[in-house]
Structures are given as C-alpha cells and as structure tokens.
Amino acid sequence: MCIRDRACDARDRLSLARLLSGVVGRFERFFGGPAPYFLWVHQHPTDGATWPRAHLYVEIVSVWRSPGVPRYIAAGELGSGIFFTPLEPEVAAERLREA
C-alpha cells in the first residue's frame, strides 16, 4: 500500500479498491442484503507541506445494529467523531470474517 512521502500509484489504488469492496461485501452478507454505511477517508494534506505523521485512514461505520434495525448515533459520537459499536471488537471482527 501507500508509503509515507509517496503518493499511491495505480496498483495501490486498485488494492485499496479491492479491500474496500471486500469489506462492503462482508457488511452486505452480514446484514443479509444492501446495507447503508458511513465511509470516511482521511488522507495526507495536499498543501505541499511535509506531514511526517499523516497517513491514509479509511473508516466504515454501519448505521444498523442488526439487519434492518437502525443504530441511533449519540450526540457524543457525532461531536467527538468516535463511533461506538455495541459489540466487542473481537466479536465484530469474527462475525465479519465469517460473512
């Protein structure tokens, strides 16, 4: 994947697209069909400055707690930008791997 101080090339972008497609596919299999989600991409600033600690970060958050059951997002989550899951990370990861 992309290395610090180097832009992503076509191969990197294809790898990222395959990864994201796989994750979204797992969401859909887990929820039993098309599932809405939030997707944020945080990237290295493009102002020409050196940003040694900047990195590419992709975040995907489901808006459902379970198939067809909305997950109401709390004000604290919106304000902080940190979204909580009702599952332990290990359980969520295992379920997505199984999907």
PDB file of N, CA and C in Angstrom:
ATOM      1  N   MET A   1       0.843  -1.185   0.000  1.00  0.00           N
ATOM      2  CA  MET A   1       0.000   0.000   0.000  1.00  0.00           C
ATOM      3  C   MET A   1       0.883   1.241   0.000  1.00  0.00           C
ATOM      4  N   CYS A   2       0.248   2.389   0.139  1.00  0.00           N
ATOM      5  CA  CYS A   2       0.955   3.669   0.067  1.00  0.00           C
ATOM      6  C   CYS A   2       1.977   3.791   1.185  1.00  0.00           C
ATOM      7  N   ILE A   3       3.112   4.325   0.844  1.00  0.00           N
ATOM      8  CA  ILE A   3       4.189   4.526   1.807  1.00  0.00           C
ATOM      9  C   ILE A   3       4.314   6.024   2.079  1.00  0.00           C
ATOM     10  N   ARG A   4       4.633   6.363   3.323  1.00  0.00           N
ATOM     11  CA  ARG A   4       4.782   7.775   3.689  1.00  0.00           C
ATOM     12  C   ARG A   4       5.666   8.488   2.672  1.00  0.00           C
ATOM     13  N   ASP A   5       5.322   9.721   2.370  1.00  0.00           N
ATOM     14  CA  ASP A   5       6.048  10.583   1.431  1.00  0.00           C
ATOM     15  C   ASP A   5       5.995  10.063   0.002  1.00  0.00           C
ATOM     16  N   ARG A   6       5.046   9.195  -0.285  1.00  0.00           N
ATOM     17  CA  ARG A   6       4.884   8.713  -1.655  1.00  0.00           C
ATOM     18  C   ARG A   6       3.397   8.611  -1.940  1.00  0.00           C
ATOM     19  N   ALA A   7       3.003   9.139  -3.079  1.00  0.00           N
ATOM     20  CA  ALA A   7       1.597   9.062  -3.469  1.00  0.00           C
ATOM     21  C   ALA A   7       1.245   7.637  -3.865  1.00  0.00           C
ATOM     22  N   CYS A   8      -0.010   7.301  -3.737  1.00  0.00           N
ATOM     23  CA  CYS A   8      -0.473   5.992  -4.168  1.00  0.00           C
ATOM     24  C   CYS A   8      -0.433   5.915  -5.688  1.00  0.00           C
ATOM     25  N   ASP A   9       0.073   4.823  -6.198  1.00  0.00           N
ATOM     26  CA  ASP A   9       0.063   4.636  -7.647  1.00  0.00           C
ATOM     27  C   ASP A   9      -1.160   3.801  -8.030  1.00  0.00           C
ATOM     28  N   ALA A  10      -1.285   3.472  -9.305  1.00  0.00           N
ATOM     29  CA  ALA A  10      -2.458   2.736  -9.792  1.00  0.00           C
ATOM     30  C   ALA A  10      -2.599   1.388  -9.085  1.00  0.00           C
ATOM     31  N   ARG A  11      -1.495   0.714  -8.839  1.00  0.00           N
ATOM     32  CA  ARG A  11      -1.539  -0.594  -8.157  1.00  0.00           C
ATOM     33  C   ARG A  11      -2.058  -0.438  -6.720  1.00  0.00           C
ATOM     34  N   ASP A  12      -1.581   0.595  -6.024  1.00  0.00           N
ATOM     35  CA  ASP A  12      -2.044   0.864  -4.656  1.00  0.00           C
ATOM     36  C   ASP A  12      -3.540   1.141  -4.641  1.00  0.00           C
ATOM     37  N   ARG A  13      -3.994   1.981  -5.575  1.00  0.00           N
ATOM     38  CA  ARG A  13      -5.416   2.341  -5.619  1.00  0.00           C
ATOM     39  C   ARG A  13      -6.278   1.123  -5.924  1.00  0.00           C
ATOM     40  N   LEU A  14      -5.800   0.243  -6.806  1.00  0.00           N
ATOM     41  CA  LEU A  14      -6.540  -0.981  -7.108  1.00  0.00           C
ATOM     42  C   LEU A  14      -6.607  -1.882  -5.870  1.00  0.00           C
ATOM     43  N   SER A  15      -5.515  -1.989  -5.138  1.00  0.00           N
ATOM     44  CA  SER A  15      -5.506  -2.793  -3.910  1.00  0.00           C
ATOM     45  C   SER A  15      -6.486  -2.233  -2.886  1.00  0.00           C
ATOM     46  N   LEU A  16      -6.507  -0.913  -2.737  1.00  0.00           N
ATOM     47  CA  LEU A  16      -7.433  -0.279  -1.796  1.00  0.00           C
ATOM     48  C   LEU A  16      -8.878  -0.497  -2.241  1.00  0.00           C
ATOM     49  N   ALA A  17      -9.140  -0.367  -3.536  1.00  0.00           N
ATOM     50  CA  ALA A  17     -10.497  -0.582  -4.055  1.00  0.00           C
ATOM     51  C   ALA A  17     -10.959  -2.016  -3.800  1.00  0.00           C
ATOM     52  N   ARG A  18     -10.074  -2.979  -3.994  1.00  0.00           N
ATOM     53  CA  ARG A  18     -10.433  -4.384  -3.724  1.00  0.00           C
ATOM     54  C   ARG A  18     -10.702  -4.608  -2.241  1.00  0.00           C
ATOM     55  N   LEU A  19      -9.886  -4.002  -1.401  1.00  0.00           N
ATOM     56  CA  LEU A  19     -10.078  -4.133   0.043  1.00  0.00           C
ATOM     57  C   LEU A  19     -11.423  -3.544   0.462  1.00  0.00           C
ATOM     58  N   LEU A  20     -11.724  -2.328   0.014  1.00  0.00           N
ATOM     59  CA  LEU A  20     -12.987  -1.687   0.367  1.00  0.00           C
ATOM     60  C   LEU A  20     -14.182  -2.463  -0.178  1.00  0.00           C
ATOM     61  N   SER A  21     -14.064  -2.953  -1.391  1.00  0.00           N
ATOM     62  CA  SER A  21     -15.140  -3.754  -1.983  1.00  0.00           C
ATOM     63  C   SER A  21     -15.385  -5.013  -1.152  1.00  0.00           C
ATOM     64  N   GLY A  22     -14.319  -5.635  -0.691  1.00  0.00           N
ATOM     65  CA  GLY A  22     -14.453  -6.825   0.145  1.00  0.00           C
ATOM     66  C   GLY A  22     -15.128  -6.520   1.475  1.00  0.00           C
ATOM     67  N   VAL A  23     -14.759  -5.406   2.091  1.00  0.00           N
ATOM     68  CA  VAL A  23     -15.360  -5.028   3.381  1.00  0.00           C
ATOM     69  C   VAL A  23     -16.837  -4.722   3.206  1.00  0.00           C
ATOM     70  N   VAL A  24     -17.187  -3.946   2.189  1.00  0.00           N
ATOM     71  CA  VAL A  24     -18.594  -3.616   1.940  1.00  0.00           C
ATOM     72  C   VAL A  24     -19.381  -4.888   1.618  1.00  0.00           C
ATOM     73  N   GLY A  25     -18.783  -5.797   0.870  1.00  0.00           N
ATOM     74  CA  GLY A  25     -19.433  -7.085   0.586  1.00  0.00           C
ATOM     75  C   GLY A  25     -19.698  -7.879   1.852  1.00  0.00           C
ATOM     76  N   ARG A  26     -18.761  -7.845   2.782  1.00  0.00           N
ATOM     77  CA  ARG A  26     -18.958  -8.545   4.063  1.00  0.00           C
ATOM     78  C   ARG A  26     -20.079  -7.899   4.862  1.00  0.00           C
ATOM     79  N   PHE A  27     -20.149  -6.563   4.852  1.00  0.00           N
ATOM     80  CA  PHE A  27     -21.262  -5.880   5.507  1.00  0.00           C
ATOM     81  C   PHE A  27     -22.584  -6.366   4.925  1.00  0.00           C
ATOM     82  N   GLU A  28     -22.661  -6.425   3.598  1.00  0.00           N
ATOM     83  CA  GLU A  28     -23.908  -6.830   2.945  1.00  0.00           C
ATOM     84  C   GLU A  28     -24.259  -8.278   3.261  1.00  0.00           C
ATOM     85  N   ARG A  29     -23.277  -9.162   3.281  1.00  0.00           N
ATOM     86  CA  ARG A  29     -23.560 -10.559   3.643  1.00  0.00           C
ATOM     87  C   ARG A  29     -23.963 -10.663   5.110  1.00  0.00           C
ATOM     88  N   PHE A  30     -23.297  -9.915   5.971  1.00  0.00           N
ATOM     89  CA  PHE A  30     -23.609  -9.928   7.398  1.00  0.00           C
ATOM     90  C   PHE A  30     -25.041  -9.454   7.652  1.00  0.00           C
ATOM     91  N   PHE A  31     -25.456  -8.381   6.956  1.00  0.00           N
ATOM     92  CA  PHE A  31     -26.784  -7.813   7.160  1.00  0.00           C
ATOM     93  C   PHE A  31     -27.836  -8.408   6.232  1.00  0.00           C
ATOM     94  N   GLY A  32     -27.455  -9.331   5.352  1.00  0.00           N
ATOM     95  CA  GLY A  32     -28.422 -10.024   4.501  1.00  0.00           C
ATOM     96  C   GLY A  32     -28.907  -9.244   3.299  1.00  0.00           C
ATOM     97  N   GLY A  33     -28.142  -8.315   2.807  1.00  0.00           N
ATOM     98  CA  GLY A  33     -28.510  -7.535   1.627  1.00  0.00           C
ATOM     99  C   GLY A  33     -27.860  -6.170   1.674  1.00  0.00           C
ATOM    100  N   PRO A  34     -28.216  -5.311   0.721  1.00  0.00           N
ATOM    101  CA  PRO A  34     -27.619  -3.968   0.718  1.00  0.00           C
ATOM    102  C   PRO A  34     -27.772  -3.298   2.078  1.00  0.00           C
ATOM    103  N   ALA A  35     -26.678  -2.782   2.582  1.00  0.00           N
ATOM    104  CA  ALA A  35     -26.674  -2.190   3.924  1.00  0.00           C
ATOM    105  C   ALA A  35     -26.085  -0.785   3.864  1.00  0.00           C
ATOM    106  N   PRO A  36     -26.770   0.191   4.427  1.00  0.00           N
ATOM    107  CA  PRO A  36     -26.216   1.553   4.435  1.00  0.00           C
ATOM    108  C   PRO A  36     -25.031   1.650   5.399  1.00  0.00           C
ATOM    109  N   TYR A  37     -24.122   2.542   5.080  1.00  0.00           N
ATOM    110  CA  TYR A  37     -22.955   2.745   5.933  1.00  0.00           C
ATOM    111  C   TYR A  37     -22.403   4.148   5.706  1.00  0.00           C
ATOM    112  N   PHE A  38     -21.620   4.615   6.669  1.00  0.00           N
ATOM    113  CA  PHE A  38     -20.842   5.839   6.510  1.00  0.00           C
ATOM    114  C   PHE A  38     -19.442   5.426   6.107  1.00  0.00           C
ATOM    115  N   LEU A  39     -18.819   6.183   5.219  1.00  0.00           N
ATOM    116  CA  LEU A  39     -17.444   5.919   4.810  1.00  0.00           C
ATOM    117  C   LEU A  39     -16.696   7.250   4.812  1.00  0.00           C
ATOM    118  N   TRP A  40     -15.616   7.311   5.588  1.00  0.00           N
ATOM    119  CA  TRP A  40     -14.771   8.499   5.612  1.00  0.00           C
ATOM    120  C   TRP A  40     -13.374   8.102   5.186  1.00  0.00           C
ATOM    121  N   VAL A  41     -12.745   8.973   4.415  1.00  0.00           N
ATOM    122  CA  VAL A  41     -11.353   8.773   4.014  1.00  0.00           C
ATOM    123  C   VAL A  41     -10.568  10.005   4.467  1.00  0.00           C
ATOM    124  N   HIS A  42      -9.577   9.778   5.295  1.00  0.00           N
ATOM    125  CA  HIS A  42      -8.702  10.844   5.778  1.00  0.00           C
ATOM    126  C   HIS A  42      -7.357  10.621   5.104  1.00  0.00           C
ATOM    127  N   GLN A  43      -6.840  11.667   4.488  1.00  0.00           N
ATOM    128  CA  GLN A  43      -5.594  11.489   3.746  1.00  0.00           C
ATOM    129  C   GLN A  43      -4.572  12.555   4.110  1.00  0.00           C
ATOM    130  N   HIS A  44      -3.392  12.380   3.599  1.00  0.00           N
ATOM    131  CA  HIS A  44      -2.310  13.335   3.741  1.00  0.00           C
ATOM    132  C   HIS A  44      -2.776  14.674   3.167  1.00  0.00           C
ATOM    133  N   PRO A  45      -2.565  15.794   3.875  1.00  0.00           N
ATOM    134  CA  PRO A  45      -2.943  17.092   3.316  1.00  0.00           C
ATOM    135  C   PRO A  45      -2.247  17.349   1.978  1.00  0.00           C
ATOM    136  N   THR A  46      -2.884  18.110   1.132  1.00  0.00           N
ATOM    137  CA  THR A  46      -2.345  18.366  -0.212  1.00  0.00           C
ATOM    138  C   THR A  46      -1.844  19.793  -0.366  1.00  0.00           C
ATOM    139  N   ASP A  47      -1.404  20.402   0.742  1.00  0.00           N
ATOM    140  CA  ASP A  47      -0.956  21.796   0.681  1.00  0.00           C
ATOM    141  C   ASP A  47       0.515  21.946   0.318  1.00  0.00           C
ATOM    142  N   GLY A  48       1.207  20.835   0.054  1.00  0.00           N
ATOM    143  CA  GLY A  48       2.610  20.891  -0.329  1.00  0.00           C
ATOM    144  C   GLY A  48       3.570  20.849   0.845  1.00  0.00           C
ATOM    145  N   ALA A  49       3.062  20.968   2.068  1.00  0.00           N
ATOM    146  CA  ALA A  49       3.924  20.914   3.255  1.00  0.00           C
ATOM    147  C   ALA A  49       4.299  19.471   3.575  1.00  0.00           C
ATOM    148  N   THR A  50       5.314  19.296   4.390  1.00  0.00           N
ATOM    149  CA  THR A  50       5.720  17.969   4.849  1.00  0.00           C
ATOM    150  C   THR A  50       4.880  17.599   6.059  1.00  0.00           C
ATOM    151  N   TRP A  51       4.255  16.459   6.000  1.00  0.00           N
ATOM    152  CA  TRP A  51       3.407  15.970   7.089  1.00  0.00           C
ATOM    153  C   TRP A  51       3.889  14.557   7.457  1.00  0.00           C
ATOM    154  N   PRO A  52       4.966  14.435   8.234  1.00  0.00           N
ATOM    155  CA  PRO A  52       5.549  13.112   8.502  1.00  0.00           C
ATOM    156  C   PRO A  52       4.633  12.152   9.259  1.00  0.00           C
ATOM    157  N   ARG A  53       3.665  12.672   9.991  1.00  0.00           N
ATOM    158  CA  ARG A  53       2.792  11.783  10.755  1.00  0.00           C
ATOM    159  C   ARG A  53       1.453  11.556  10.079  1.00  0.00           C
ATOM    160  N   ALA A  54       1.247  12.162   8.926  1.00  0.00           N
ATOM    161  CA  ALA A  54      -0.023  11.976   8.211  1.00  0.00           C
ATOM    162  C   ALA A  54      -0.046  10.586   7.579  1.00  0.00           C
ATOM    163  N   HIS A  55      -1.241  10.045   7.446  1.00  0.00           N
ATOM    164  CA  HIS A  55      -1.387   8.729   6.862  1.00  0.00           C
ATOM    165  C   HIS A  55      -2.776   8.607   6.243  1.00  0.00           C
ATOM    166  N   LEU A  56      -2.954   7.588   5.452  1.00  0.00           N
ATOM    167  CA  LEU A  56      -4.260   7.298   4.878  1.00  0.00           C
ATOM    168  C   LEU A  56      -5.043   6.473   5.885  1.00  0.00           C
ATOM    169  N   TYR A  57      -6.255   6.926   6.161  1.00  0.00           N
ATOM    170  CA  TYR A  57      -7.096   6.248   7.150  1.00  0.00           C
ATOM    171  C   TYR A  57      -8.501   6.169   6.582  1.00  0.00           C
ATOM    172  N   VAL A  58      -9.039   4.973   6.513  1.00  0.00           N
ATOM    173  CA  VAL A  58     -10.386   4.756   5.996  1.00  0.00           C
ATOM    174  C   VAL A  58     -11.237   4.198   7.130  1.00  0.00           C
ATOM    175  N   GLU A  59     -12.406   4.793   7.319  1.00  0.00           N
ATOM    176  CA  GLU A  59     -13.311   4.372   8.393  1.00  0.00           C
ATOM    177  C   GLU A  59     -14.674   4.035   7.792  1.00  0.00           C
ATOM    178  N   ILE A  60     -15.190   2.871   8.132  1.00  0.00           N
ATOM    179  CA  ILE A  60     -16.512   2.447   7.677  1.00  0.00           C
ATOM    180  C   ILE A  60     -17.341   2.125   8.912  1.00  0.00           C
ATOM    181  N   VAL A  61     -18.513   2.742   9.012  1.00  0.00           N
ATOM    182  CA  VAL A  61     -19.383   2.550  10.163  1.00  0.00           C
ATOM    183  C   VAL A  61     -20.777   2.198   9.673  1.00  0.00           C
ATOM    184  N   SER A  62     -21.310   1.112  10.148  1.00  0.00           N
ATOM    185  CA  SER A  62     -22.668   0.706   9.797  1.00  0.00           C
ATOM    186  C   SER A  62     -23.677   1.581  10.528  1.00  0.00           C
ATOM    187  N   VAL A  63     -24.793   1.845   9.885  1.00  0.00           N
ATOM    188  CA  VAL A  63     -25.858   2.603  10.545  1.00  0.00           C
ATOM    189  C   VAL A  63     -26.911   1.665  11.133  1.00  0.00           C
ATOM    190  N   TRP A  64     -26.646   0.361  11.040  1.00  0.00           N
ATOM    191  CA  TRP A  64     -27.561  -0.628  11.614  1.00  0.00           C
ATOM    192  C   TRP A  64     -26.907  -1.339  12.782  1.00  0.00           C
ATOM    193  N   ARG A  65     -27.707  -1.689  13.791  1.00  0.00           N
ATOM    194  CA  ARG A  65     -27.236  -2.528  14.901  1.00  0.00           C
ATOM    195  C   ARG A  65     -27.283  -3.998  14.501  1.00  0.00           C
ATOM    196  N   SER A  66     -28.329  -4.351  13.770  1.00  0.00           N
ATOM    197  CA  SER A  66     -28.527  -5.688  13.222  1.00  0.00           C
ATOM    198  C   SER A  66     -29.377  -5.499  11.975  1.00  0.00           C
ATOM    199  N   PRO A  67     -29.576  -6.549  11.166  1.00  0.00           N
ATOM    200  CA  PRO A  67     -30.306  -6.367   9.907  1.00  0.00           C
ATOM    201  C   PRO A  67     -31.627  -5.616  10.081  1.00  0.00           C
ATOM    202  N   GLY A  68     -31.721  -4.457   9.427  1.00  0.00           N
ATOM    203  CA  GLY A  68     -32.936  -3.662   9.438  1.00  0.00           C
ATOM    204  C   GLY A  68     -33.209  -2.886  10.718  1.00  0.00           C
ATOM    205  N   VAL A  69     -32.332  -2.985  11.709  1.00  0.00           N
ATOM    206  CA  VAL A  69     -32.528  -2.292  12.988  1.00  0.00           C
ATOM    207  C   VAL A  69     -31.581  -1.099  13.032  1.00  0.00           C
ATOM    208  N   PRO A  70     -32.136   0.121  12.975  1.00  0.00           N
ATOM    209  CA  PRO A  70     -31.259   1.295  12.958  1.00  0.00           C
ATOM    210  C   PRO A  70     -30.458   1.444  14.234  1.00  0.00           C
ATOM    211  N   ARG A  71     -29.300   1.970  14.067  1.00  0.00           N
ATOM    212  CA  ARG A  71     -28.417   2.277  15.187  1.00  0.00           C
ATOM    213  C   ARG A  71     -28.475   3.780  15.367  1.00  0.00           C
ATOM    214  N   TYR A  72     -29.034   4.225  16.451  1.00  0.00           N
ATOM    215  CA  TYR A  72     -29.145   5.655  16.694  1.00  0.00           C
ATOM    216  C   TYR A  72     -27.815   6.185  17.200  1.00  0.00           C
ATOM    217  N   ILE A  73     -27.277   7.115  16.475  1.00  0.00           N
ATOM    218  CA  ILE A  73     -25.969   7.665  16.809  1.00  0.00           C
ATOM    219  C   ILE A  73     -26.144   8.760  17.855  1.00  0.00           C
ATOM    220  N   ALA A  74     -25.382   8.678  18.905  1.00  0.00           N
ATOM    221  CA  ALA A  74     -25.470   9.622  20.017  1.00  0.00           C
ATOM    222  C   ALA A  74     -24.759  10.927  19.678  1.00  0.00           C
ATOM    223  N   ALA A  75     -25.197  11.994  20.316  1.00  0.00           N
ATOM    224  CA  ALA A  75     -24.588  13.301  20.100  1.00  0.00           C
ATOM    225  C   ALA A  75     -23.096  13.283  20.430  1.00  0.00           C
ATOM    226  N   GLY A  76     -22.741  12.532  21.462  1.00  0.00           N
ATOM    227  CA  GLY A  76     -21.329  12.429  21.831  1.00  0.00           C
ATOM    228  C   GLY A  76     -20.485  11.818  20.736  1.00  0.00           C
ATOM    229  N   GLU A  77     -21.066  10.848  20.021  1.00  0.00           N
ATOM    230  CA  GLU A  77     -20.354  10.236  18.906  1.00  0.00           C
ATOM    231  C   GLU A  77     -20.155  11.250  17.788  1.00  0.00           C
ATOM    232  N   LEU A  78     -21.214  11.972  17.457  1.00  0.00           N
ATOM    233  CA  LEU A  78     -21.111  12.973  16.393  1.00  0.00           C
ATOM    234  C   LEU A  78     -20.133  14.079  16.767  1.00  0.00           C
ATOM    235  N   GLY A  79     -20.192  14.521  18.004  1.00  0.00           N
ATOM    236  CA  GLY A  79     -19.322  15.604  18.441  1.00  0.00           C
ATOM    237  C   GLY A  79     -17.864  15.217  18.503  1.00  0.00           C
ATOM    238  N   SER A  80     -17.590  13.991  18.906  1.00  0.00           N
ATOM    239  CA  SER A  80     -16.200  13.565  19.071  1.00  0.00           C
ATOM    240  C   SER A  80     -15.623  12.934  17.815  1.00  0.00           C
ATOM    241  N   GLY A  81     -16.506  12.462  16.925  1.00  0.00           N
ATOM    242  CA  GLY A  81     -16.026  11.759  15.740  1.00  0.00           C
ATOM    243  C   GLY A  81     -15.618  10.327  16.042  1.00  0.00           C
ATOM    244  N   ILE A  82     -15.935   9.849  17.236  1.00  0.00           N
ATOM    245  CA  ILE A  82     -15.622   8.483  17.640  1.00  0.00           C
ATOM    246  C   ILE A  82     -16.936   7.730  17.756  1.00  0.00           C
ATOM    247  N   PHE A  83     -17.077   6.668  16.977  1.00  0.00           N
ATOM    248  CA  PHE A  83     -18.322   5.917  16.947  1.00  0.00           C
ATOM    249  C   PHE A  83     -18.148   4.616  17.705  1.00  0.00           C
ATOM    250  N   PHE A  84     -19.105   4.335  18.541  1.00  0.00           N
ATOM    251  CA  PHE A  84     -19.054   3.160  19.403  1.00  0.00           C
ATOM    252  C   PHE A  84     -19.850   2.026  18.763  1.00  0.00           C
ATOM    253  N   THR A  85     -19.377   0.830  18.948  1.00  0.00           N
ATOM    254  CA  THR A  85     -20.085  -0.337  18.454  1.00  0.00           C
ATOM    255  C   THR A  85     -20.657  -1.088  19.652  1.00  0.00           C
ATOM    256  N   PRO A  86     -21.845  -1.675  19.494  1.00  0.00           N
ATOM    257  CA  PRO A  86     -22.417  -2.416  20.617  1.00  0.00           C
ATOM    258  C   PRO A  86     -21.744  -3.782  20.821  1.00  0.00           C
ATOM    259  N   LEU A  87     -20.800  -4.130  19.959  1.00  0.00           N
ATOM    260  CA  LEU A  87     -20.106  -5.413  20.065  1.00  0.00           C
ATOM    261  C   LEU A  87     -18.656  -5.201  20.466  1.00  0.00           C
ATOM    262  N   GLU A  88     -18.100  -6.189  21.115  1.00  0.00           N
ATOM    263  CA  GLU A  88     -16.664  -6.175  21.380  1.00  0.00           C
ATOM    264  C   GLU A  88     -15.957  -6.297  20.029  1.00  0.00           C
ATOM    265  N   PRO A  89     -14.827  -5.606  19.841  1.00  0.00           N
ATOM    266  CA  PRO A  89     -14.136  -5.630  18.546  1.00  0.00           C
ATOM    267  C   PRO A  89     -13.826  -7.035  18.045  1.00  0.00           C
ATOM    268  N   GLU A  90     -13.444  -7.935  18.955  1.00  0.00           N
ATOM    269  CA  GLU A  90     -13.110  -9.304  18.542  1.00  0.00           C
ATOM    270  C   GLU A  90     -14.338 -10.032  18.003  1.00  0.00           C
ATOM    271  N   VAL A  91     -15.484  -9.804  18.619  1.00  0.00           N
ATOM    272  CA  VAL A  91     -16.733 -10.442  18.173  1.00  0.00           C
ATOM    273  C   VAL A  91     -17.143  -9.875  16.818  1.00  0.00           C
ATOM    274  N   ALA A  92     -17.076  -8.555  16.671  1.00  0.00           N
ATOM    275  CA  ALA A  92     -17.428  -7.933  15.390  1.00  0.00           C
ATOM    276  C   ALA A  92     -16.502  -8.421  14.281  1.00  0.00           C
ATOM    277  N   ALA A  93     -15.208  -8.491  14.550  1.00  0.00           N
ATOM    278  CA  ALA A  93     -14.244  -8.949  13.550  1.00  0.00           C
ATOM    279  C   ALA A  93     -14.530 -10.394  13.145  1.00  0.00           C
ATOM    280  N   GLU A  94     -14.808 -11.240  14.106  1.00  0.00           N
ATOM    281  CA  GLU A  94     -15.105 -12.648  13.805  1.00  0.00           C
ATOM    282  C   GLU A  94     -16.359 -12.770  12.954  1.00  0.00           C
ATOM    283  N   ARG A  95     -17.390 -12.030  13.294  1.00  0.00           N
ATOM    284  CA  ARG A  95     -18.637 -12.075  12.505  1.00  0.00           C
ATOM    285  C   ARG A  95     -18.426 -11.600  11.087  1.00  0.00           C
ATOM    286  N   LEU A  96     -17.626 -10.544  10.911  1.00  0.00           N
ATOM    287  CA  LEU A  96     -17.352 -10.063   9.549  1.00  0.00           C
ATOM    288  C   LEU A  96     -16.494 -11.066   8.787  1.00  0.00           C
ATOM    289  N   ARG A  97     -15.532 -11.713   9.458  1.00  0.00           N
ATOM    290  CA  ARG A  97     -14.729 -12.741   8.781  1.00  0.00           C
ATOM    291  C   ARG A  97     -15.596 -13.902   8.312  1.00  0.00           C
ATOM    292  N   GLU A  98     -16.596 -14.243   9.116  1.00  0.00           N
ATOM    293  CA  GLU A  98     -17.479 -15.356   8.772  1.00  0.00           C
ATOM    294  C   GLU A  98     -18.446 -15.004   7.649  1.00  0.00           C
ATOM    295  N   ALA A  99     -18.724 -13.713   7.453  1.00  0.00           N
ATOM    296  CA  ALA A  99     -19.714 -13.283   6.451  1.00  0.00           C
ATOM    297  C   ALA A  99     -19.192 -13.497   5.033  1.00  0.00           C
TER     298      ALA A  99
END
